[in-house]
Amino acid sequence: MNAPQPTILVLDDEKNIRRSIEIALEQEGMHVLSAHDAAAALRMLTERVIDALILDIRLGEIDGLAFFRKLQSEGLAVPTIFISGHATLSEAAQAARIGGFDFLEKPFSAEKILICVQRCLEHASLQRRLERIGQQEAARRIVGDSPVIRQLVAEALRVAATQANVLVTGESGTGKELIANTIHAHSARKDGPFIKVNCSAIPENLVESELFGYERGAFTGANGARRGLFEAAHRGTVFLDEIADLSLAAQAKILRVVQSGEVQKLGSDRATHVDVRVISGTHKDLREAVSEGRFREDLFYRLSVVPLRVPPLREHGEDIPLLVRFFVKQLCAKNNLREKEIDEEVVAELKRYTWPGNVRELGNVIERMLIMSGERISSADLPEEISEATAAAPEAHGASTLKQFRDKAERDFILETLRRNGGNITQCALELGVRRTYLHRRLAQLGIGKKDYFA
């Protein structure tokens, strides 16, 4: 994606000032909008994305400082340069204190306003880069070296290079948000915002106003206009977590955004264009929800152009030692603790547990043991529910569920076939009556590597 042309909004009640700023900035390839009063400026800020605002402190009906505070309260604030020909030193200091990027006193030269705007845009870009670094750090927290995790990360990086919408599925606590973050951090949109929306946490009566925004007077209590989360994600990525929990009405509006790239605020008859990539997440079976009429089929196919499944921890238990070391380091730093050693018996017990809460549950258990243990963590520090569950669990050679029995039988059968064919995947797939791509996927899911059949 090429860098978009920056859009600058000038709010000043003096026509000549507005025009001189327009000429100076447009000659440098910027797109300039101008407004003579606060109402016009507010309308523009709610209808499109503005990269920077040049704001006169002394306006007719409302002063610029009060207008800027209004933007902040309504979630519409953008990087702002205050200008004035009559401002006091106190007002200039206040402009900086409430978040203004800079203050220029009139009259100023075209060169001075141009340099100030360029610095403002560069500062905003730097802030976005810092946010991106934080997102990339989050992406690096995908810990694991098992075949299924390596394959998942490879698929996430492959789809990151595209603009395709992605549906990330997996049980609660598996790390769906980390996968979404990884896709964004390695995409062409990495300099844009990454907006996470927990669809299950938004009250039903507030879903549309949160996602799409609203106009002043759209409902009782709407004392001003407000951008929705889709607009906040413009030129970036929106992650709709637990999307299965949205109502059919909200699904219909999201379908419009995905199809046309347009959002319509509550109380407005105008559509606003947004450039957003949609990544969705759910721990529920969306196909089942479609068949039961709880989820729109057309939206399902729009969102799941590329489906990615995050495996539960019980399917890659070999990663538990790595995860334990990661959590010990991270959580000791968080809680200001000296890093502690963990007995091998503890790690062995953790590997035997089935982890219904997945990686999130493992992190919580590690934190509890770090806080409550002595110099090192021993079996005595294991939570009672884990000790009891692992004591009652069958031996490693057995299977506690029908699925585990099937997986073990299939794993043994595939290994025997691979060994008989000298590790030749093509020949093995022919003998098993499956496609090579399916066999590769099952090898990853069952944790079968070359070391297993060439041992």
Protein backbone atom coordinates (compact mmCIF):
# COMPACT_ATOMS: atom_id res chain seq x y z
CA MET A 1 0.00 0.00 0.00
CA ASN A 2 1.32 3.43 -0.94
CA ALA A 3 1.45 6.09 1.76
CA PRO A 4 -1.90 7.91 1.64
CA GLN A 5 -2.08 11.64 0.98
CA PRO A 6 -2.38 13.37 4.38
CA THR A 7 -5.60 15.28 5.00
CA ILE A 8 -5.36 18.51 7.02
CA LEU A 9 -8.36 20.39 8.40
CA VAL A 10 -8.09 24.15 9.00
CA LEU A 11 -10.60 25.73 11.41
CA ASP A 12 -10.37 29.51 11.43
CA ASP A 13 -13.04 32.19 11.08
CA GLU A 14 -10.71 34.37 8.95
CA LYS A 15 -11.09 33.50 5.26
CA ASN A 16 -7.69 34.90 4.24
CA ILE A 17 -5.88 32.83 6.88
CA ARG A 18 -7.65 29.67 5.75
CA ARG A 19 -6.82 30.34 2.12
CA SER A 20 -3.14 31.10 2.72
CA ILE A 21 -2.72 27.86 4.70
CA GLU A 22 -4.51 25.89 1.98
CA ILE A 23 -2.16 27.22 -0.71
CA ALA A 24 0.98 26.53 1.34
CA LEU A 25 0.03 22.94 2.18
CA GLU A 26 -1.54 21.96 -1.16
CA GLN A 27 1.68 22.95 -2.96
CA GLU A 28 3.38 20.21 -0.92
CA GLY A 29 0.87 17.57 -1.98
CA MET A 30 -1.39 17.64 1.07
CA HIS A 31 -5.17 17.51 0.89
CA VAL A 32 -6.63 20.49 2.77
CA LEU A 33 -10.17 20.98 4.06
CA SER A 34 -11.28 24.21 5.68
CA ALA A 35 -14.10 25.21 8.00
CA HIS A 36 -15.19 28.66 9.18
CA ASP A 37 -16.99 27.46 12.32
CA ALA A 38 -16.93 24.63 14.84
CA ALA A 39 -20.11 22.97 13.55
CA ALA A 40 -18.66 22.56 10.04
CA ALA A 41 -15.35 21.27 11.42
CA LEU A 42 -17.10 18.78 13.70
CA ARG A 43 -19.11 17.45 10.77
CA MET A 44 -15.93 16.89 8.74
CA LEU A 45 -14.20 15.16 11.64
CA THR A 46 -17.09 12.72 12.02
CA GLU A 47 -17.43 12.05 8.29
CA ARG A 48 -13.82 11.25 7.36
CA VAL A 49 -10.34 10.61 8.68
CA ILE A 50 -8.33 13.77 9.39
CA ASP A 51 -4.57 13.46 9.90
CA ALA A 52 -4.00 16.85 11.55
CA LEU A 53 -6.03 19.87 12.64
CA ILE A 54 -4.97 23.51 12.53
CA LEU A 55 -7.18 25.25 15.08
CA ASP A 56 -7.63 28.93 15.89
CA ILE A 57 -7.82 29.53 19.65
CA ARG A 58 -10.09 32.56 19.21
CA LEU A 59 -13.23 31.48 17.35
CA GLY A 60 -16.52 33.32 17.30
CA GLU A 61 -19.05 31.08 19.03
CA ILE A 62 -16.62 28.80 20.91
CA ASP A 63 -12.95 29.13 21.72
CA GLY A 64 -10.52 26.63 20.22
CA LEU A 65 -9.47 25.20 23.58
CA ALA A 66 -13.05 24.31 24.46
CA PHE A 67 -13.58 22.84 21.00
CA PHE A 68 -10.47 20.66 21.38
CA ARG A 69 -11.70 19.37 24.76
CA LYS A 70 -15.02 18.53 23.12
CA LEU A 71 -13.19 16.49 20.48
CA GLN A 72 -11.26 14.66 23.21
CA SER A 73 -14.43 13.84 25.14
CA GLU A 74 -16.10 12.46 22.00
CA GLY A 75 -13.14 10.42 20.83
CA LEU A 76 -12.52 12.64 17.79
CA ALA A 77 -9.23 14.30 18.78
CA VAL A 78 -6.47 14.35 16.15
CA PRO A 79 -2.93 15.84 16.24
CA THR A 80 -3.61 19.57 16.58
CA ILE A 81 -1.67 22.78 15.94
CA PHE A 82 -3.16 25.81 17.70
CA ILE A 83 -2.87 29.24 16.04
CA SER A 84 -3.86 32.71 17.24
CA GLY A 85 -3.09 36.37 16.80
CA HIS A 86 -4.34 37.42 20.22
CA ALA A 87 -3.77 34.48 22.55
CA THR A 88 -2.31 35.09 25.98
CA LEU A 89 0.72 33.21 27.32
CA SER A 90 -1.64 31.36 29.64
CA GLU A 91 -3.76 30.16 26.70
CA ALA A 92 -0.69 29.00 24.77
CA ALA A 93 0.51 27.03 27.81
CA GLN A 94 -2.95 25.55 28.26
CA ALA A 95 -3.01 24.43 24.62
CA ALA A 96 0.18 22.45 25.21
CA ARG A 97 -1.06 21.07 28.54
CA ILE A 98 -4.28 19.61 27.12
CA GLY A 99 -2.49 17.81 24.29
CA GLY A 100 -1.86 20.30 21.48
CA PHE A 101 1.18 19.49 19.33
CA ASP A 102 2.33 23.10 18.85
CA PHE A 103 1.26 26.74 19.01
CA LEU A 104 1.90 29.35 16.29
CA GLU A 105 1.29 33.06 16.67
CA LYS A 106 -0.16 35.00 13.72
CA PRO A 107 1.07 36.23 11.36
CA PHE A 108 3.28 33.34 10.28
CA SER A 109 4.98 32.54 6.98
CA ALA A 110 3.96 29.75 4.60
CA GLU A 111 7.29 28.07 5.31
CA LYS A 112 6.69 28.13 9.06
CA ILE A 113 3.21 26.55 8.90
CA LEU A 114 4.47 23.95 6.43
CA ILE A 115 7.39 22.93 8.67
CA CYS A 116 5.09 22.79 11.70
CA VAL A 117 2.56 20.56 9.90
CA GLN A 118 5.30 18.24 8.62
CA ARG A 119 6.69 17.91 12.16
CA CYS A 120 3.20 17.22 13.47
CA LEU A 121 2.65 14.45 10.90
CA GLU A 122 6.08 12.96 11.60
CA HIS A 123 5.36 12.96 15.34
CA ALA A 124 2.04 11.18 14.77
CA SER A 125 3.81 8.66 12.52
CA LEU A 126 6.41 8.05 15.23
CA GLN A 127 3.65 7.41 17.77
CA ARG A 128 2.11 4.86 15.42
CA ARG A 129 5.50 3.19 14.92
CA LEU A 130 5.93 2.91 18.69
CA GLU A 131 2.49 1.34 18.91
CA ARG A 132 3.48 -1.04 16.11
CA ILE A 133 6.63 -2.05 18.01
CA GLY A 134 4.39 -2.88 20.96
CA GLN A 135 2.19 -4.96 18.66
CA GLN A 136 5.22 -6.76 17.24
CA GLU A 137 6.42 -7.49 20.77
CA ALA A 138 3.00 -8.94 21.47
CA ALA A 139 3.25 -11.01 18.29
CA ARG A 140 6.59 -12.42 19.47
CA ARG A 141 4.81 -13.83 22.53
CA ILE A 142 3.57 -16.75 20.41
CA VAL A 143 5.66 -19.32 22.23
CA GLY A 144 6.05 -22.85 20.93
CA ASP A 145 8.17 -25.07 18.76
CA SER A 146 5.71 -27.89 18.15
CA PRO A 147 4.74 -28.73 14.56
CA VAL A 148 1.20 -27.40 14.98
CA ILE A 149 2.39 -24.04 16.33
CA ARG A 150 5.09 -23.69 13.67
CA GLN A 151 2.50 -24.39 11.00
CA LEU A 152 0.03 -21.91 12.52
CA VAL A 153 2.63 -19.12 12.64
CA ALA A 154 3.69 -19.86 9.06
CA GLU A 155 0.07 -19.65 7.88
CA ALA A 156 -0.47 -16.40 9.80
CA LEU A 157 2.61 -14.82 8.22
CA ARG A 158 1.55 -16.01 4.77
CA VAL A 159 -1.92 -14.46 5.04
CA ALA A 160 -0.46 -11.29 6.62
CA ALA A 161 1.04 -10.35 3.25
CA THR A 162 -2.46 -10.20 1.71
CA GLN A 163 -5.57 -8.11 2.29
CA ALA A 164 -7.81 -11.15 2.88
CA ASN A 165 -10.23 -11.25 5.80
CA VAL A 166 -9.32 -13.94 8.34
CA LEU A 167 -11.43 -16.00 10.72
CA VAL A 168 -9.43 -17.20 13.75
CA THR A 169 -11.09 -20.04 15.64
CA GLY A 170 -10.08 -21.82 18.80
CA GLU A 171 -11.08 -22.47 22.37
CA SER A 172 -11.01 -19.69 24.95
CA GLY A 173 -7.51 -18.96 26.19
CA THR A 174 -5.64 -20.37 23.18
CA GLY A 175 -4.30 -17.02 21.95
CA LYS A 176 -6.57 -15.92 19.11
CA GLU A 177 -5.79 -12.25 19.74
CA LEU A 178 -2.04 -12.93 19.47
CA ILE A 179 -2.58 -14.48 16.04
CA ALA A 180 -4.66 -11.49 14.93
CA ASN A 181 -1.97 -9.16 16.26
CA THR A 182 0.72 -11.10 14.41
CA ILE A 183 -1.17 -10.81 11.12
CA HIS A 184 -1.58 -7.05 11.56
CA ALA A 185 2.01 -6.44 12.71
CA HIS A 186 3.41 -8.17 9.61
CA SER A 187 0.96 -6.68 7.10
CA ALA A 188 1.08 -3.61 4.87
CA ARG A 189 -1.28 -2.00 7.44
CA LYS A 190 1.22 -2.28 10.28
CA ASP A 191 1.52 1.53 10.55
CA GLY A 192 -2.25 1.83 10.96
CA PRO A 193 -4.30 1.15 14.09
CA PHE A 194 -5.10 -2.30 15.48
CA ILE A 195 -8.51 -2.05 17.14
CA LYS A 196 -9.75 -4.98 19.22
CA VAL A 197 -13.48 -5.29 19.80
CA ASN A 198 -14.80 -7.82 22.31
CA CYS A 199 -18.24 -8.34 20.81
CA SER A 200 -19.48 -10.35 23.80
CA ALA A 201 -18.62 -7.52 26.24
CA ILE A 202 -20.68 -4.80 24.51
CA PRO A 203 -24.29 -4.53 25.77
CA GLU A 204 -26.79 -5.39 23.04
CA ASN A 205 -28.29 -1.89 22.98
CA LEU A 206 -24.84 -0.28 22.52
CA VAL A 207 -23.35 -2.55 19.83
CA GLU A 208 -24.28 -0.41 16.82
CA SER A 209 -23.27 2.90 18.41
CA GLU A 210 -19.91 1.44 19.52
CA LEU A 211 -19.10 -0.16 16.17
CA PHE A 212 -20.49 2.47 13.81
CA GLY A 213 -20.74 5.68 15.86
CA TYR A 214 -23.63 8.10 16.16
CA GLU A 215 -24.74 11.64 15.39
CA ARG A 216 -25.79 14.22 17.93
CA GLY A 217 -29.37 13.55 19.03
CA ALA A 218 -29.46 10.02 17.58
CA PHE A 219 -30.77 8.74 20.94
CA THR A 220 -31.30 9.99 24.48
CA GLY A 221 -27.96 11.02 25.90
CA ALA A 222 -26.26 11.49 22.51
CA ASN A 223 -25.14 15.06 23.25
CA GLY A 224 -22.51 15.03 20.52
CA ALA A 225 -21.36 13.06 17.49
CA ARG A 226 -18.94 10.17 17.97
CA ARG A 227 -16.84 7.98 15.70
CA GLY A 228 -17.33 4.24 15.86
CA LEU A 229 -14.63 1.61 16.22
CA PHE A 230 -14.63 0.84 12.50
CA GLU A 231 -13.74 4.46 11.75
CA ALA A 232 -11.09 4.36 14.47
CA ALA A 233 -9.54 1.39 12.61
CA HIS A 234 -9.33 3.29 9.28
CA ARG A 235 -6.21 2.27 7.30
CA GLY A 236 -5.61 -0.50 9.82
CA THR A 237 -7.16 -3.69 11.18
CA VAL A 238 -10.20 -4.35 13.34
CA PHE A 239 -10.28 -7.60 15.33
CA LEU A 240 -13.85 -8.65 16.08
CA ASP A 241 -13.37 -11.13 18.90
CA GLU A 242 -16.28 -13.45 19.79
CA ILE A 243 -18.14 -12.34 16.68
CA ALA A 244 -20.65 -15.18 17.08
CA ASP A 245 -22.23 -13.23 19.95
CA LEU A 246 -23.40 -10.37 17.72
CA SER A 247 -27.08 -9.95 16.94
CA LEU A 248 -28.38 -10.53 13.40
CA ALA A 249 -29.04 -6.78 13.10
CA ALA A 250 -25.41 -5.94 13.93
CA GLN A 251 -24.24 -8.70 11.58
CA ALA A 252 -26.18 -7.07 8.73
CA LYS A 253 -24.38 -3.76 9.31
CA ILE A 254 -20.99 -5.44 9.48
CA LEU A 255 -21.77 -7.17 6.19
CA ARG A 256 -22.32 -3.77 4.62
CA VAL A 257 -18.93 -2.56 5.88
CA VAL A 258 -17.18 -5.67 4.58
CA GLN A 259 -18.93 -5.51 1.19
CA SER A 260 -18.83 -1.79 0.47
CA GLY A 261 -16.30 -0.31 2.91
CA GLU A 262 -18.98 2.07 4.20
CA VAL A 263 -20.33 2.71 7.70
CA GLN A 264 -23.45 4.62 8.60
CA LYS A 265 -23.70 6.24 12.00
CA LEU A 266 -26.86 6.03 14.05
CA GLY A 267 -29.00 9.05 13.29
CA SER A 268 -27.25 9.79 9.97
CA ASP A 269 -28.42 9.36 6.40
CA ARG A 270 -24.86 9.61 5.04
CA ALA A 271 -22.32 6.83 4.62
CA THR A 272 -18.65 7.23 5.53
CA HIS A 273 -15.95 5.30 3.67
CA VAL A 274 -13.46 3.31 5.75
CA ASP A 275 -10.45 1.27 4.65
CA VAL A 276 -10.34 -1.59 7.15
CA ARG A 277 -9.19 -5.19 7.18
CA VAL A 278 -11.41 -7.44 9.28
CA ILE A 279 -10.05 -10.29 11.38
CA SER A 280 -12.69 -12.18 13.36
CA GLY A 281 -12.34 -14.56 16.26
CA THR A 282 -14.65 -17.06 17.92
CA HIS A 283 -14.55 -20.14 20.15
CA LYS A 284 -17.92 -21.27 18.75
CA ASP A 285 -18.74 -23.30 15.65
CA LEU A 286 -19.88 -20.65 13.16
CA ARG A 287 -21.01 -23.24 10.60
CA GLU A 288 -23.34 -24.68 13.20
CA ALA A 289 -24.56 -21.15 14.05
CA VAL A 290 -25.26 -20.59 10.34
CA SER A 291 -27.24 -23.82 10.04
CA GLU A 292 -29.28 -22.84 13.13
CA GLY A 293 -30.00 -19.35 11.76
CA ARG A 294 -28.01 -17.55 14.46
CA PHE A 295 -25.32 -16.29 12.08
CA ARG A 296 -25.65 -14.90 8.56
CA GLU A 297 -24.31 -17.26 5.92
CA ASP A 298 -23.28 -14.42 3.59
CA LEU A 299 -21.30 -12.75 6.39
CA PHE A 300 -19.68 -16.06 7.34
CA TYR A 301 -18.25 -16.50 3.84
CA ARG A 302 -17.10 -12.87 3.72
CA LEU A 303 -15.24 -13.17 7.03
CA SER A 304 -13.73 -16.63 6.58
CA VAL A 305 -11.82 -16.09 3.34
CA VAL A 306 -8.84 -17.59 5.20
CA PRO A 307 -9.72 -19.65 8.30
CA LEU A 308 -7.02 -20.26 10.92
CA ARG A 309 -7.48 -22.66 13.82
CA VAL A 310 -5.51 -22.11 17.03
CA PRO A 311 -5.01 -25.53 18.65
CA PRO A 312 -5.85 -26.11 22.32
CA LEU A 313 -2.88 -26.61 24.63
CA ARG A 314 -3.62 -30.33 25.03
CA GLU A 315 -2.77 -30.76 21.32
CA HIS A 316 0.74 -29.32 21.72
CA GLY A 317 1.68 -30.30 25.25
CA GLU A 318 5.33 -30.56 24.18
CA ASP A 319 5.37 -26.73 24.23
CA ILE A 320 4.57 -26.59 27.95
CA PRO A 321 8.23 -26.45 29.12
CA LEU A 322 8.87 -23.50 26.77
CA LEU A 323 5.68 -21.78 27.92
CA VAL A 324 6.61 -22.34 31.57
CA ARG A 325 10.02 -20.68 31.09
CA PHE A 326 8.38 -17.80 29.22
CA PHE A 327 5.77 -17.21 31.94
CA VAL A 328 8.32 -17.46 34.76
CA LYS A 329 10.46 -14.74 33.17
CA GLN A 330 7.51 -12.49 32.27
CA LEU A 331 5.56 -12.87 35.52
CA CYS A 332 8.56 -12.50 37.83
CA ALA A 333 9.29 -9.17 36.14
CA LYS A 334 5.64 -8.16 36.42
CA ASN A 335 5.43 -9.01 40.15
CA ASN A 336 8.95 -7.79 41.05
CA LEU A 337 10.08 -11.30 42.01
CA ARG A 338 13.42 -13.02 41.64
CA GLU A 339 13.24 -15.71 38.94
CA LYS A 340 12.64 -19.11 40.51
CA GLU A 341 13.62 -22.62 39.50
CA ILE A 342 10.83 -25.13 38.88
CA ASP A 343 11.35 -28.80 39.73
CA GLU A 344 11.18 -31.20 36.79
CA GLU A 345 8.40 -33.12 38.57
CA VAL A 346 6.25 -29.98 38.45
CA VAL A 347 6.75 -29.56 34.70
CA ALA A 348 5.93 -33.25 34.21
CA GLU A 349 2.68 -32.80 36.15
CA LEU A 350 1.81 -29.72 34.13
CA LYS A 351 2.32 -31.73 30.92
CA ARG A 352 -0.10 -34.41 32.15
CA TYR A 353 -2.88 -31.92 32.89
CA THR A 354 -5.45 -31.36 30.08
CA TRP A 355 -5.73 -27.53 30.48
CA PRO A 356 -9.39 -26.74 29.77
CA GLY A 357 -8.48 -23.04 30.06
CA ASN A 358 -5.52 -23.49 27.70
CA VAL A 359 -2.49 -21.16 27.69
CA ARG A 360 -4.33 -18.49 29.68
CA GLU A 361 -4.98 -20.99 32.48
CA LEU A 362 -1.33 -22.11 32.41
CA GLY A 363 -0.17 -18.51 32.82
CA ASN A 364 -2.51 -18.01 35.77
CA VAL A 365 -1.29 -21.20 37.46
CA ILE A 366 2.37 -20.24 36.99
CA GLU A 367 1.73 -16.78 38.45
CA ARG A 368 -0.06 -18.24 41.48
CA MET A 369 2.80 -20.66 42.17
CA LEU A 370 5.47 -17.96 41.74
CA ILE A 371 3.74 -15.72 44.27
CA MET A 372 2.88 -18.37 46.87
CA SER A 373 6.00 -20.59 46.72
CA GLY A 374 9.33 -20.33 48.55
CA GLU A 375 12.81 -20.29 46.98
CA ARG A 376 11.84 -22.74 44.25
CA ILE A 377 8.62 -24.29 42.97
CA SER A 378 8.04 -27.92 43.96
CA SER A 379 5.17 -30.37 43.58
CA ALA A 380 3.78 -29.14 46.90
CA ASP A 381 3.09 -25.78 45.24
CA LEU A 382 0.86 -27.24 42.53
CA PRO A 383 -2.79 -26.15 42.82
CA GLU A 384 -4.98 -28.87 44.31
CA GLU A 385 -7.20 -29.16 41.23
CA ILE A 386 -4.17 -29.98 39.05
CA SER A 387 -2.66 -32.47 41.51
CA GLU A 388 -5.99 -34.29 41.84
CA ALA A 389 -6.64 -34.30 38.08
CA THR A 390 -3.20 -35.66 37.17
CA ALA A 391 -3.33 -38.26 39.96
CA ALA A 392 -6.60 -39.59 38.54
CA ALA A 393 -5.43 -39.41 34.92
CA PRO A 394 -4.49 -42.62 33.06
CA GLU A 395 -0.86 -43.43 32.33
CA ALA A 396 0.76 -41.81 29.32
CA HIS A 397 0.33 -44.94 27.20
CA GLY A 398 -3.43 -44.89 27.73
CA ALA A 399 -6.14 -42.48 26.59
CA SER A 400 -8.74 -40.64 28.69
CA THR A 401 -11.22 -39.81 25.90
CA LEU A 402 -12.43 -41.41 22.70
CA LYS A 403 -10.77 -38.64 20.68
CA GLN A 404 -7.43 -39.24 22.41
CA PHE A 405 -7.76 -42.96 21.70
CA ARG A 406 -8.48 -42.27 18.03
CA ASP A 407 -5.61 -39.79 17.74
CA LYS A 408 -3.19 -42.25 19.34
CA ALA A 409 -4.32 -45.09 17.09
CA GLU A 410 -4.09 -42.86 13.99
CA ARG A 411 -0.66 -41.58 15.04
CA ASP A 412 0.68 -45.12 15.49
CA PHE A 413 -0.80 -46.23 12.15
CA ILE A 414 0.64 -43.25 10.24
CA LEU A 415 4.06 -43.74 11.87
CA GLU A 416 4.10 -47.39 10.89
CA THR A 417 3.21 -46.47 7.28
CA LEU A 418 5.88 -43.76 7.14
CA ARG A 419 8.56 -46.10 8.44
CA ARG A 420 7.55 -48.79 5.97
CA ASN A 421 7.83 -46.27 3.10
CA GLY A 422 11.09 -44.74 4.28
CA GLY A 423 9.42 -41.41 5.11
CA ASN A 424 8.13 -40.90 1.54
CA ILE A 425 5.10 -38.63 2.10
CA THR A 426 3.69 -39.09 -1.42
CA GLN A 427 3.82 -42.88 -1.25
CA CYS A 428 2.46 -42.86 2.27
CA ALA A 429 -0.50 -40.65 1.24
CA LEU A 430 -1.29 -43.00 -1.66
CA GLU A 431 -1.23 -46.01 0.64
CA LEU A 432 -3.42 -44.28 3.21
CA GLY A 433 -5.85 -43.05 0.54
CA VAL A 434 -5.56 -39.35 1.44
CA ARG A 435 -4.14 -36.22 -0.20
CA ARG A 436 -0.59 -35.11 0.55
CA THR A 437 -1.85 -31.77 1.88
CA TYR A 438 -4.18 -33.53 4.31
CA LEU A 439 -1.40 -35.87 5.44
CA HIS A 440 0.96 -32.93 6.06
CA ARG A 441 -1.74 -31.24 8.13
CA ARG A 442 -2.39 -34.40 10.20
CA LEU A 443 1.34 -34.87 10.78
CA ALA A 444 1.45 -31.38 12.26
CA GLN A 445 -1.71 -31.89 14.33
CA LEU A 446 -0.47 -35.22 15.73
CA GLY A 447 3.00 -33.86 16.43
CA ILE A 448 4.78 -36.25 14.08
CA GLY A 449 8.24 -35.13 12.93
CA LYS A 450 11.04 -36.81 10.97
CA LYS A 451 12.75 -37.78 14.22
CA ASP A 452 9.73 -40.00 15.01
CA TYR A 453 9.84 -42.16 11.90
CA PHE A 454 13.58 -42.05 11.19
CA ALA A 455 14.54 -42.92 14.75
